[in-house]
Amino acid sequence: MPQASEGAQQAINSMSMEEMIEEFSKGVRSRFQGANFDYLRARIENVKNQDENYKYQQTLLVSKEANRIAKSSKGVAQIALWVSIGALIVSILTPIIQHHIK
């Protein structure tokens, strides 16, 4: 199986994704033919996979952070519940204590 030339590989590797897609869309009019064109196609797929993997990793990081925040807010909600219960107990006991002090 023929391999892409070193020069073609360097040229393709230095291209942006848009440039690669534009060159690929030229088909038989592309400056890359045969094994070089196959390398171009493989490089496009490789970059797409890298982009998708990066997006997946970023989504995973955001999800982990959201879970951490949710766990943290659950703890805050439990503290707020106990503070509310304490305030309720104080508001019930205060009039009773004041009545017995008089």
PDB file of N, CA and C in Angstrom:
ATOM      1  N   MET A   1       0.845  -1.179   0.000  1.00  0.00           N
ATOM      2  CA  MET A   1       0.000   0.000   0.000  1.00  0.00           C
ATOM      3  C   MET A   1       0.896   1.250   0.000  1.00  0.00           C
ATOM      4  N   PRO A   2       0.707   2.132  -0.974  1.00  0.00           N
ATOM      5  CA  PRO A   2       1.547   3.327  -1.068  1.00  0.00           C
ATOM      6  C   PRO A   2       1.309   4.276   0.116  1.00  0.00           C
ATOM      7  N   GLN A   3       2.364   4.952   0.498  1.00  0.00           N
ATOM      8  CA  GLN A   3       2.267   5.920   1.587  1.00  0.00           C
ATOM      9  C   GLN A   3       2.314   7.329   1.025  1.00  0.00           C
ATOM     10  N   ALA A   4       1.707   8.259   1.791  1.00  0.00           N
ATOM     11  CA  ALA A   4       1.757   9.667   1.398  1.00  0.00           C
ATOM     12  C   ALA A   4       3.190  10.163   1.504  1.00  0.00           C
ATOM     13  N   SER A   5       3.532  11.062   0.629  1.00  0.00           N
ATOM     14  CA  SER A   5       4.890  11.611   0.662  1.00  0.00           C
ATOM     15  C   SER A   5       5.065  12.472   1.906  1.00  0.00           C
ATOM     16  N   GLU A   6       6.316  12.596   2.300  1.00  0.00           N
ATOM     17  CA  GLU A   6       6.658  13.394   3.487  1.00  0.00           C
ATOM     18  C   GLU A   6       6.200  14.845   3.309  1.00  0.00           C
ATOM     19  N   GLY A   7       6.418  15.388   2.120  1.00  0.00           N
ATOM     20  CA  GLY A   7       6.020  16.773   1.835  1.00  0.00           C
ATOM     21  C   GLY A   7       4.518  16.966   1.913  1.00  0.00           C
ATOM     22  N   ALA A   8       3.762  16.000   1.376  1.00  0.00           N
ATOM     23  CA  ALA A   8       2.296  16.086   1.422  1.00  0.00           C
ATOM     24  C   ALA A   8       1.810  15.986   2.858  1.00  0.00           C
ATOM     25  N   GLN A   9       2.411  15.105   3.631  1.00  0.00           N
ATOM     26  CA  GLN A   9       2.019  14.974   5.033  1.00  0.00           C
ATOM     27  C   GLN A   9       2.245  16.279   5.786  1.00  0.00           C
ATOM     28  N   GLN A  10       3.395  16.894   5.561  1.00  0.00           N
ATOM     29  CA  GLN A  10       3.687  18.160   6.241  1.00  0.00           C
ATOM     30  C   GLN A  10       2.708  19.247   5.816  1.00  0.00           C
ATOM     31  N   ALA A  11       2.409  19.300   4.525  1.00  0.00           N
ATOM     32  CA  ALA A  11       1.483  20.313   4.008  1.00  0.00           C
ATOM     33  C   ALA A  11       0.089  20.105   4.601  1.00  0.00           C
ATOM     34  N   ILE A  12      -0.360  18.862   4.623  1.00  0.00           N
ATOM     35  CA  ILE A  12      -1.694  18.555   5.150  1.00  0.00           C
ATOM     36  C   ILE A  12      -1.749  18.812   6.647  1.00  0.00           C
ATOM     37  N   ASN A  13      -0.723  18.412   7.366  1.00  0.00           N
ATOM     38  CA  ASN A  13      -0.700  18.607   8.819  1.00  0.00           C
ATOM     39  C   ASN A  13      -0.721  20.086   9.212  1.00  0.00           C
ATOM     40  N   SER A  14      -0.222  20.948   8.329  1.00  0.00           N
ATOM     41  CA  SER A  14      -0.183  22.379   8.652  1.00  0.00           C
ATOM     42  C   SER A  14      -1.477  23.096   8.258  1.00  0.00           C
ATOM     43  N   MET A  15      -2.385  22.393   7.598  1.00  0.00           N
ATOM     44  CA  MET A  15      -3.633  23.015   7.147  1.00  0.00           C
ATOM     45  C   MET A  15      -4.659  23.071   8.282  1.00  0.00           C
ATOM     46  N   SER A  16      -5.502  24.100   8.212  1.00  0.00           N
ATOM     47  CA  SER A  16      -6.626  24.169   9.148  1.00  0.00           C
ATOM     48  C   SER A  16      -7.692  23.166   8.694  1.00  0.00           C
ATOM     49  N   MET A  17      -8.632  22.898   9.555  1.00  0.00           N
ATOM     50  CA  MET A  17      -9.700  21.961   9.208  1.00  0.00           C
ATOM     51  C   MET A  17     -10.467  22.458   7.979  1.00  0.00           C
ATOM     52  N   GLU A  18     -10.726  23.753   7.929  1.00  0.00           N
ATOM     53  CA  GLU A  18     -11.463  24.327   6.792  1.00  0.00           C
ATOM     54  C   GLU A  18     -10.698  24.142   5.491  1.00  0.00           C
ATOM     55  N   GLU A  19      -9.381  24.345   5.551  1.00  0.00           N
ATOM     56  CA  GLU A  19      -8.548  24.175   4.356  1.00  0.00           C
ATOM     57  C   GLU A  19      -8.550  22.715   3.908  1.00  0.00           C
ATOM     58  N   MET A  20      -8.465  21.809   4.868  1.00  0.00           N
ATOM     59  CA  MET A  20      -8.467  20.383   4.514  1.00  0.00           C
ATOM     60  C   MET A  20      -9.783  19.991   3.866  1.00  0.00           C
ATOM     61  N   ILE A  21     -10.887  20.452   4.422  1.00  0.00           N
ATOM     62  CA  ILE A  21     -12.206  20.106   3.866  1.00  0.00           C
ATOM     63  C   ILE A  21     -12.361  20.701   2.469  1.00  0.00           C
ATOM     64  N   GLU A  22     -11.898  21.939   2.313  1.00  0.00           N
ATOM     65  CA  GLU A  22     -11.962  22.573   0.987  1.00  0.00           C
ATOM     66  C   GLU A  22     -11.149  21.779  -0.029  1.00  0.00           C
ATOM     67  N   GLU A  23      -9.953  21.373   0.360  1.00  0.00           N
ATOM     68  CA  GLU A  23      -9.090  20.594  -0.541  1.00  0.00           C
ATOM     69  C   GLU A  23      -9.725  19.234  -0.838  1.00  0.00           C
ATOM     70  N   PHE A  24     -10.302  18.620   0.167  1.00  0.00           N
ATOM     71  CA  PHE A  24     -10.941  17.314  -0.006  1.00  0.00           C
ATOM     72  C   PHE A  24     -12.135  17.411  -0.955  1.00  0.00           C
ATOM     73  N   SER A  25     -12.889  18.516  -0.831  1.00  0.00           N
ATOM     74  CA  SER A  25     -14.081  18.669  -1.675  1.00  0.00           C
ATOM     75  C   SER A  25     -13.731  18.831  -3.155  1.00  0.00           C
ATOM     76  N   LYS A  26     -12.477  19.168  -3.458  1.00  0.00           N
ATOM     77  CA  LYS A  26     -12.046  19.293  -4.853  1.00  0.00           C
ATOM     78  C   LYS A  26     -11.970  17.936  -5.542  1.00  0.00           C
ATOM     79  N   GLY A  27     -11.844  16.883  -4.761  1.00  0.00           N
ATOM     80  CA  GLY A  27     -11.798  15.530  -5.324  1.00  0.00           C
ATOM     81  C   GLY A  27     -10.640  15.351  -6.288  1.00  0.00           C
ATOM     82  N   VAL A  28     -10.941  15.004  -7.540  1.00  0.00           N
ATOM     83  CA  VAL A  28      -9.888  14.737  -8.525  1.00  0.00           C
ATOM     84  C   VAL A  28      -9.126  15.999  -8.909  1.00  0.00           C
ATOM     85  N   ARG A  29      -9.652  17.177  -8.592  1.00  0.00           N
ATOM     86  CA  ARG A  29      -8.953  18.435  -8.871  1.00  0.00           C
ATOM     87  C   ARG A  29      -8.029  18.849  -7.727  1.00  0.00           C
ATOM     88  N   SER A  30      -8.020  18.064  -6.642  1.00  0.00           N
ATOM     89  CA  SER A  30      -7.170  18.376  -5.498  1.00  0.00           C
ATOM     90  C   SER A  30      -5.705  18.249  -5.877  1.00  0.00           C
ATOM     91  N   ARG A  31      -4.868  19.026  -5.216  1.00  0.00           N
ATOM     92  CA  ARG A  31      -3.422  18.912  -5.461  1.00  0.00           C
ATOM     93  C   ARG A  31      -2.877  17.631  -4.839  1.00  0.00           C
ATOM     94  N   PHE A  32      -3.657  16.970  -3.986  1.00  0.00           N
ATOM     95  CA  PHE A  32      -3.266  15.698  -3.382  1.00  0.00           C
ATOM     96  C   PHE A  32      -4.018  14.574  -4.085  1.00  0.00           C
ATOM     97  N   GLN A  33      -3.288  13.616  -4.577  1.00  0.00           N
ATOM     98  CA  GLN A  33      -3.889  12.495  -5.295  1.00  0.00           C
ATOM     99  C   GLN A  33      -3.351  11.183  -4.746  1.00  0.00           C
ATOM    100  N   GLY A  34      -4.075  10.110  -4.984  1.00  0.00           N
ATOM    101  CA  GLY A  34      -3.642   8.777  -4.575  1.00  0.00           C
ATOM    102  C   GLY A  34      -3.478   8.663  -3.073  1.00  0.00           C
ATOM    103  N   ALA A  35      -2.305   8.196  -2.659  1.00  0.00           N
ATOM    104  CA  ALA A  35      -2.023   7.989  -1.234  1.00  0.00           C
ATOM    105  C   ALA A  35      -2.057   9.317  -0.468  1.00  0.00           C
ATOM    106  N   ASN A  36      -1.679  10.403  -1.131  1.00  0.00           N
ATOM    107  CA  ASN A  36      -1.714  11.711  -0.470  1.00  0.00           C
ATOM    108  C   ASN A  36      -3.157  12.126  -0.165  1.00  0.00           C
ATOM    109  N   PHE A  37      -4.064  11.836  -1.093  1.00  0.00           N
ATOM    110  CA  PHE A  37      -5.483  12.142  -0.886  1.00  0.00           C
ATOM    111  C   PHE A  37      -6.051  11.270   0.228  1.00  0.00           C
ATOM    112  N   ASP A  38      -5.631  10.012   0.262  1.00  0.00           N
ATOM    113  CA  ASP A  38      -6.061   9.114   1.342  1.00  0.00           C
ATOM    114  C   ASP A  38      -5.590   9.635   2.698  1.00  0.00           C
ATOM    115  N   TYR A  39      -4.364  10.163   2.711  1.00  0.00           N
ATOM    116  CA  TYR A  39      -3.821  10.738   3.950  1.00  0.00           C
ATOM    117  C   TYR A  39      -4.645  11.956   4.360  1.00  0.00           C
ATOM    118  N   LEU A  40      -5.037  12.781   3.405  1.00  0.00           N
ATOM    119  CA  LEU A  40      -5.871  13.955   3.674  1.00  0.00           C
ATOM    120  C   LEU A  40      -7.190  13.523   4.311  1.00  0.00           C
ATOM    121  N   ARG A  41      -7.815  12.514   3.717  1.00  0.00           N
ATOM    122  CA  ARG A  41      -9.085  12.012   4.251  1.00  0.00           C
ATOM    123  C   ARG A  41      -8.900  11.482   5.681  1.00  0.00           C
ATOM    124  N   ALA A  42      -7.859  10.725   5.921  1.00  0.00           N
ATOM    125  CA  ALA A  42      -7.588  10.180   7.256  1.00  0.00           C
ATOM    126  C   ALA A  42      -7.299  11.290   8.255  1.00  0.00           C
ATOM    127  N   ARG A  43      -6.576  12.313   7.800  1.00  0.00           N
ATOM    128  CA  ARG A  43      -6.255  13.433   8.685  1.00  0.00           C
ATOM    129  C   ARG A  43      -7.523  14.188   9.088  1.00  0.00           C
ATOM    130  N   ILE A  44      -8.445  14.383   8.158  1.00  0.00           N
ATOM    131  CA  ILE A  44      -9.721  15.049   8.464  1.00  0.00           C
ATOM    132  C   ILE A  44     -10.475  14.256   9.527  1.00  0.00           C
ATOM    133  N   GLU A  45     -10.542  12.956   9.345  1.00  0.00           N
ATOM    134  CA  GLU A  45     -11.246  12.102  10.327  1.00  0.00           C
ATOM    135  C   GLU A  45     -10.561  12.150  11.684  1.00  0.00           C
ATOM    136  N   ASN A  46      -9.244  12.140  11.663  1.00  0.00           N
ATOM    137  CA  ASN A  46      -8.479  12.188  12.911  1.00  0.00           C
ATOM    138  C   ASN A  46      -8.759  13.488  13.671  1.00  0.00           C
ATOM    139  N   VAL A  47      -8.743  14.613  12.961  1.00  0.00           N
ATOM    140  CA  VAL A  47      -8.998  15.914  13.602  1.00  0.00           C
ATOM    141  C   VAL A  47     -10.434  15.980  14.117  1.00  0.00           C
ATOM    142  N   LYS A  48     -11.387  15.460  13.335  1.00  0.00           N
ATOM    143  CA  LYS A  48     -12.781  15.433  13.792  1.00  0.00           C
ATOM    144  C   LYS A  48     -12.911  14.624  15.079  1.00  0.00           C
ATOM    145  N   ASN A  49     -12.261  13.465  15.109  1.00  0.00           N
ATOM    146  CA  ASN A  49     -12.311  12.625  16.308  1.00  0.00           C
ATOM    147  C   ASN A  49     -11.680  13.327  17.506  1.00  0.00           C
ATOM    148  N   GLN A  50     -10.579  14.034  17.272  1.00  0.00           N
ATOM    149  CA  GLN A  50      -9.936  14.782  18.354  1.00  0.00           C
ATOM    150  C   GLN A  50     -10.864  15.880  18.872  1.00  0.00           C
ATOM    151  N   ASP A  51     -11.537  16.580  17.955  1.00  0.00           N
ATOM    152  CA  ASP A  51     -12.468  17.637  18.349  1.00  0.00           C
ATOM    153  C   ASP A  51     -13.625  17.065  19.157  1.00  0.00           C
ATOM    154  N   GLU A  52     -14.163  15.939  18.688  1.00  0.00           N
ATOM    155  CA  GLU A  52     -15.278  15.312  19.400  1.00  0.00           C
ATOM    156  C   GLU A  52     -14.837  14.831  20.776  1.00  0.00           C
ATOM    157  N   ASN A  53     -13.639  14.272  20.857  1.00  0.00           N
ATOM    158  CA  ASN A  53     -13.108  13.810  22.133  1.00  0.00           C
ATOM    159  C   ASN A  53     -12.906  14.985  23.086  1.00  0.00           C
ATOM    160  N   TYR A  54     -12.394  16.093  22.576  1.00  0.00           N
ATOM    161  CA  TYR A  54     -12.188  17.285  23.400  1.00  0.00           C
ATOM    162  C   TYR A  54     -13.527  17.802  23.928  1.00  0.00           C
ATOM    163  N   LYS A  55     -14.527  17.859  23.051  1.00  0.00           N
ATOM    164  CA  LYS A  55     -15.861  18.326  23.472  1.00  0.00           C
ATOM    165  C   LYS A  55     -16.442  17.390  24.524  1.00  0.00           C
ATOM    166  N   TYR A  56     -16.254  16.096  24.337  1.00  0.00           N
ATOM    167  CA  TYR A  56     -16.748  15.122  25.319  1.00  0.00           C
ATOM    168  C   TYR A  56     -16.056  15.323  26.668  1.00  0.00           C
ATOM    169  N   GLN A  57     -14.742  15.514  26.640  1.00  0.00           N
ATOM    170  CA  GLN A  57     -13.993  15.732  27.881  1.00  0.00           C
ATOM    171  C   GLN A  57     -14.456  17.004  28.580  1.00  0.00           C
ATOM    172  N   GLN A  58     -14.707  18.065  27.812  1.00  0.00           N
ATOM    173  CA  GLN A  58     -15.186  19.323  28.397  1.00  0.00           C
ATOM    174  C   GLN A  58     -16.573  19.127  29.022  1.00  0.00           C
ATOM    175  N   THR A  59     -17.443  18.394  28.333  1.00  0.00           N
ATOM    176  CA  THR A  59     -18.779  18.114  28.865  1.00  0.00           C
ATOM    177  C   THR A  59     -18.675  17.307  30.147  1.00  0.00           C
ATOM    178  N   LEU A  60     -17.771  16.363  30.164  1.00  0.00           N
ATOM    179  CA  LEU A  60     -17.556  15.544  31.356  1.00  0.00           C
ATOM    180  C   LEU A  60     -17.083  16.403  32.524  1.00  0.00           C
ATOM    181  N   LEU A  61     -16.163  17.313  32.273  1.00  0.00           N
ATOM    182  CA  LEU A  61     -15.677  18.207  33.334  1.00  0.00           C
ATOM    183  C   LEU A  61     -16.800  19.096  33.872  1.00  0.00           C
ATOM    184  N   VAL A  62     -17.631  19.624  32.978  1.00  0.00           N
ATOM    185  CA  VAL A  62     -18.751  20.461  33.401  1.00  0.00           C
ATOM    186  C   VAL A  62     -19.740  19.641  34.225  1.00  0.00           C
ATOM    187  N   SER A  63     -19.994  18.419  33.815  1.00  0.00           N
ATOM    188  CA  SER A  63     -20.910  17.543  34.554  1.00  0.00           C
ATOM    189  C   SER A  63     -20.375  17.237  35.950  1.00  0.00           C
ATOM    190  N   LYS A  64     -19.087  16.962  36.044  1.00  0.00           N
ATOM    191  CA  LYS A  64     -18.487  16.683  37.350  1.00  0.00           C
ATOM    192  C   LYS A  64     -18.602  17.895  38.263  1.00  0.00           C
ATOM    193  N   GLU A  65     -18.353  19.077  37.712  1.00  0.00           N
ATOM    194  CA  GLU A  65     -18.455  20.313  38.505  1.00  0.00           C
ATOM    195  C   GLU A  65     -19.902  20.538  38.945  1.00  0.00           C
ATOM    196  N   ALA A  66     -20.851  20.283  38.060  1.00  0.00           N
ATOM    197  CA  ALA A  66     -22.271  20.436  38.408  1.00  0.00           C
ATOM    198  C   ALA A  66     -22.656  19.469  39.525  1.00  0.00           C
ATOM    199  N   ASN A  67     -22.152  18.251  39.463  1.00  0.00           N
ATOM    200  CA  ASN A  67     -22.428  17.276  40.523  1.00  0.00           C
ATOM    201  C   ASN A  67     -21.820  17.716  41.849  1.00  0.00           C
ATOM    202  N   ARG A  68     -20.608  18.257  41.790  1.00  0.00           N
ATOM    203  CA  ARG A  68     -19.957  18.735  43.012  1.00  0.00           C
ATOM    204  C   ARG A  68     -20.762  19.876  43.635  1.00  0.00           C
ATOM    205  N   ILE A  69     -21.226  20.796  42.802  1.00  0.00           N
ATOM    206  CA  ILE A  69     -22.018  21.918  43.298  1.00  0.00           C
ATOM    207  C   ILE A  69     -23.342  21.424  43.882  1.00  0.00           C
ATOM    208  N   ALA A  70     -23.960  20.453  43.213  1.00  0.00           N
ATOM    209  CA  ALA A  70     -25.229  19.911  43.705  1.00  0.00           C
ATOM    210  C   ALA A  70     -25.053  19.260  45.073  1.00  0.00           C
ATOM    211  N   LYS A  71     -23.976  18.503  45.236  1.00  0.00           N
ATOM    212  CA  LYS A  71     -23.703  17.879  46.535  1.00  0.00           C
ATOM    213  C   LYS A  71     -23.480  18.941  47.601  1.00  0.00           C
ATOM    214  N   SER A  72     -22.752  19.976  47.246  1.00  0.00           N
ATOM    215  CA  SER A  72     -22.477  21.064  48.180  1.00  0.00           C
ATOM    216  C   SER A  72     -23.768  21.777  48.579  1.00  0.00           C
ATOM    217  N   SER A  73     -24.628  22.024  47.599  1.00  0.00           N
ATOM    218  CA  SER A  73     -25.872  22.734  47.906  1.00  0.00           C
ATOM    219  C   SER A  73     -26.811  21.870  48.735  1.00  0.00           C
ATOM    220  N   LYS A  74     -26.731  20.558  48.592  1.00  0.00           N
ATOM    221  CA  LYS A  74     -27.536  19.662  49.421  1.00  0.00           C
ATOM    222  C   LYS A  74     -27.140  19.830  50.889  1.00  0.00           C
ATOM    223  N   GLY A  75     -25.852  19.921  51.161  1.00  0.00           N
ATOM    224  CA  GLY A  75     -25.363  20.129  52.523  1.00  0.00           C
ATOM    225  C   GLY A  75     -25.839  21.465  53.079  1.00  0.00           C
ATOM    226  N   VAL A  76     -25.806  22.497  52.250  1.00  0.00           N
ATOM    227  CA  VAL A  76     -26.273  23.820  52.674  1.00  0.00           C
ATOM    228  C   VAL A  76     -27.765  23.769  52.969  1.00  0.00           C
ATOM    229  N   ALA A  77     -28.521  23.060  52.155  1.00  0.00           N
ATOM    230  CA  ALA A  77     -29.970  22.946  52.371  1.00  0.00           C
ATOM    231  C   ALA A  77     -30.259  22.231  53.690  1.00  0.00           C
ATOM    232  N   GLN A  78     -29.478  21.217  54.017  1.00  0.00           N
ATOM    233  CA  GLN A  78     -29.690  20.513  55.287  1.00  0.00           C
ATOM    234  C   GLN A  78     -29.381  21.424  56.472  1.00  0.00           C
ATOM    235  N   ILE A  79     -28.347  22.217  56.372  1.00  0.00           N
ATOM    236  CA  ILE A  79     -28.019  23.163  57.440  1.00  0.00           C
ATOM    237  C   ILE A  79     -29.147  24.184  57.591  1.00  0.00           C
ATOM    238  N   ALA A  80     -29.643  24.684  56.468  1.00  0.00           N
ATOM    239  CA  ALA A  80     -30.741  25.661  56.511  1.00  0.00           C
ATOM    240  C   ALA A  80     -31.984  25.053  57.159  1.00  0.00           C
ATOM    241  N   LEU A  81     -32.253  23.788  56.901  1.00  0.00           N
ATOM    242  CA  LEU A  81     -33.398  23.108  57.517  1.00  0.00           C
ATOM    243  C   LEU A  81     -33.239  23.067  59.027  1.00  0.00           C
ATOM    244  N   TRP A  82     -32.053  22.703  59.499  1.00  0.00           N
ATOM    245  CA  TRP A  82     -31.829  22.625  60.948  1.00  0.00           C
ATOM    246  C   TRP A  82     -31.867  24.000  61.604  1.00  0.00           C
ATOM    247  N   VAL A  83     -31.386  25.007  60.927  1.00  0.00           N
ATOM    248  CA  VAL A  83     -31.466  26.377  61.447  1.00  0.00           C
ATOM    249  C   VAL A  83     -32.929  26.805  61.545  1.00  0.00           C
ATOM    250  N   SER A  84     -33.728  26.461  60.536  1.00  0.00           N
ATOM    251  CA  SER A  84     -35.159  26.786  60.564  1.00  0.00           C
ATOM    252  C   SER A  84     -35.867  26.075  61.700  1.00  0.00           C
ATOM    253  N   ILE A  85     -35.530  24.800  61.901  1.00  0.00           N
ATOM    254  CA  ILE A  85     -36.137  24.046  63.010  1.00  0.00           C
ATOM    255  C   ILE A  85     -35.740  24.678  64.339  1.00  0.00           C
ATOM    256  N   GLY A  86     -34.482  25.062  64.471  1.00  0.00           N
ATOM    257  CA  GLY A  86     -34.022  25.730  65.695  1.00  0.00           C
ATOM    258  C   GLY A  86     -34.757  27.039  65.923  1.00  0.00           C
ATOM    259  N   ALA A  87     -34.934  27.828  64.878  1.00  0.00           N
ATOM    260  CA  ALA A  87     -35.651  29.104  64.997  1.00  0.00           C
ATOM    261  C   ALA A  87     -37.099  28.869  65.387  1.00  0.00           C
ATOM    262  N   LEU A  88     -37.709  27.829  64.851  1.00  0.00           N
ATOM    263  CA  LEU A  88     -39.090  27.492  65.203  1.00  0.00           C
ATOM    264  C   LEU A  88     -39.189  27.119  66.670  1.00  0.00           C
ATOM    265  N   ILE A  89     -38.261  26.314  67.152  1.00  0.00           N
ATOM    266  CA  ILE A  89     -38.262  25.906  68.572  1.00  0.00           C
ATOM    267  C   ILE A  89     -38.094  27.130  69.471  1.00  0.00           C
ATOM    268  N   VAL A  90     -37.174  28.015  69.115  1.00  0.00           N
ATOM    269  CA  VAL A  90     -36.955  29.236  69.902  1.00  0.00           C
ATOM    270  C   VAL A  90     -38.213  30.100  69.900  1.00  0.00           C
ATOM    271  N   SER A  91     -38.866  30.228  68.743  1.00  0.00           N
ATOM    272  CA  SER A  91     -40.066  31.069  68.676  1.00  0.00           C
ATOM    273  C   SER A  91     -41.218  30.471  69.476  1.00  0.00           C
ATOM    274  N   ILE A  92     -41.249  29.163  69.633  1.00  0.00           N
ATOM    275  CA  ILE A  92     -42.295  28.525  70.451  1.00  0.00           C
ATOM    276  C   ILE A  92     -41.951  28.652  71.935  1.00  0.00           C
ATOM    277  N   LEU A  93     -40.706  28.440  72.289  1.00  0.00           N
ATOM    278  CA  LEU A  93     -40.303  28.450  73.697  1.00  0.00           C
ATOM    279  C   LEU A  93     -40.213  29.853  74.297  1.00  0.00           C
ATOM    280  N   THR A  94     -39.909  30.851  73.496  1.00  0.00           N
ATOM    281  CA  THR A  94     -39.735  32.207  74.022  1.00  0.00           C
ATOM    282  C   THR A  94     -40.981  32.715  74.749  1.00  0.00           C
ATOM    283  N   PRO A  95     -42.173  32.645  74.185  1.00  0.00           N
ATOM    284  CA  PRO A  95     -43.348  33.139  74.917  1.00  0.00           C
ATOM    285  C   PRO A  95     -43.641  32.324  76.202  1.00  0.00           C
ATOM    286  N   ILE A  96     -43.347  31.011  76.115  1.00  0.00           N
ATOM    287  CA  ILE A  96     -43.597  30.160  77.289  1.00  0.00           C
ATOM    288  C   ILE A  96     -42.654  30.562  78.419  1.00  0.00           C
ATOM    289  N   ILE A  97     -41.384  30.735  78.115  1.00  0.00           N
ATOM    290  CA  ILE A  97     -40.400  31.128  79.122  1.00  0.00           C
ATOM    291  C   ILE A  97     -40.722  32.502  79.664  1.00  0.00           C
ATOM    292  N   GLN A  98     -41.081  33.440  78.788  1.00  0.00           N
ATOM    293  CA  GLN A  98     -41.414  34.788  79.247  1.00  0.00           C
ATOM    294  C   GLN A  98     -42.633  34.770  80.164  1.00  0.00           C
ATOM    295  N   HIS A  99     -43.592  33.927  79.881  1.00  0.00           N
ATOM    296  CA  HIS A  99     -44.804  33.849  80.696  1.00  0.00           C
ATOM    297  C   HIS A  99     -44.465  33.330  82.086  1.00  0.00           C
ATOM    298  N   HIS A 100     -43.557  32.376  82.186  1.00  0.00           N
ATOM    299  CA  HIS A 100     -43.181  31.797  83.491  1.00  0.00           C
ATOM    300  C   HIS A 100     -42.254  32.711  84.267  1.00  0.00           C
ATOM    301  N   ILE A 101     -41.530  33.612  83.616  1.00  0.00           N
ATOM    302  CA  ILE A 101     -40.614  34.506  84.292  1.00  0.00           C
ATOM    303  C   ILE A 101     -41.401  35.630  84.991  1.00  0.00           C
ATOM    304  N   LYS A 102     -42.497  36.078  84.412  1.00  0.00           N
ATOM    305  CA  LYS A 102     -43.271  37.199  84.983  1.00  0.00           C
ATOM    306  C   LYS A 102     -43.914  36.869  86.265  1.00  0.00           C
TER     307      LYS A 102
END
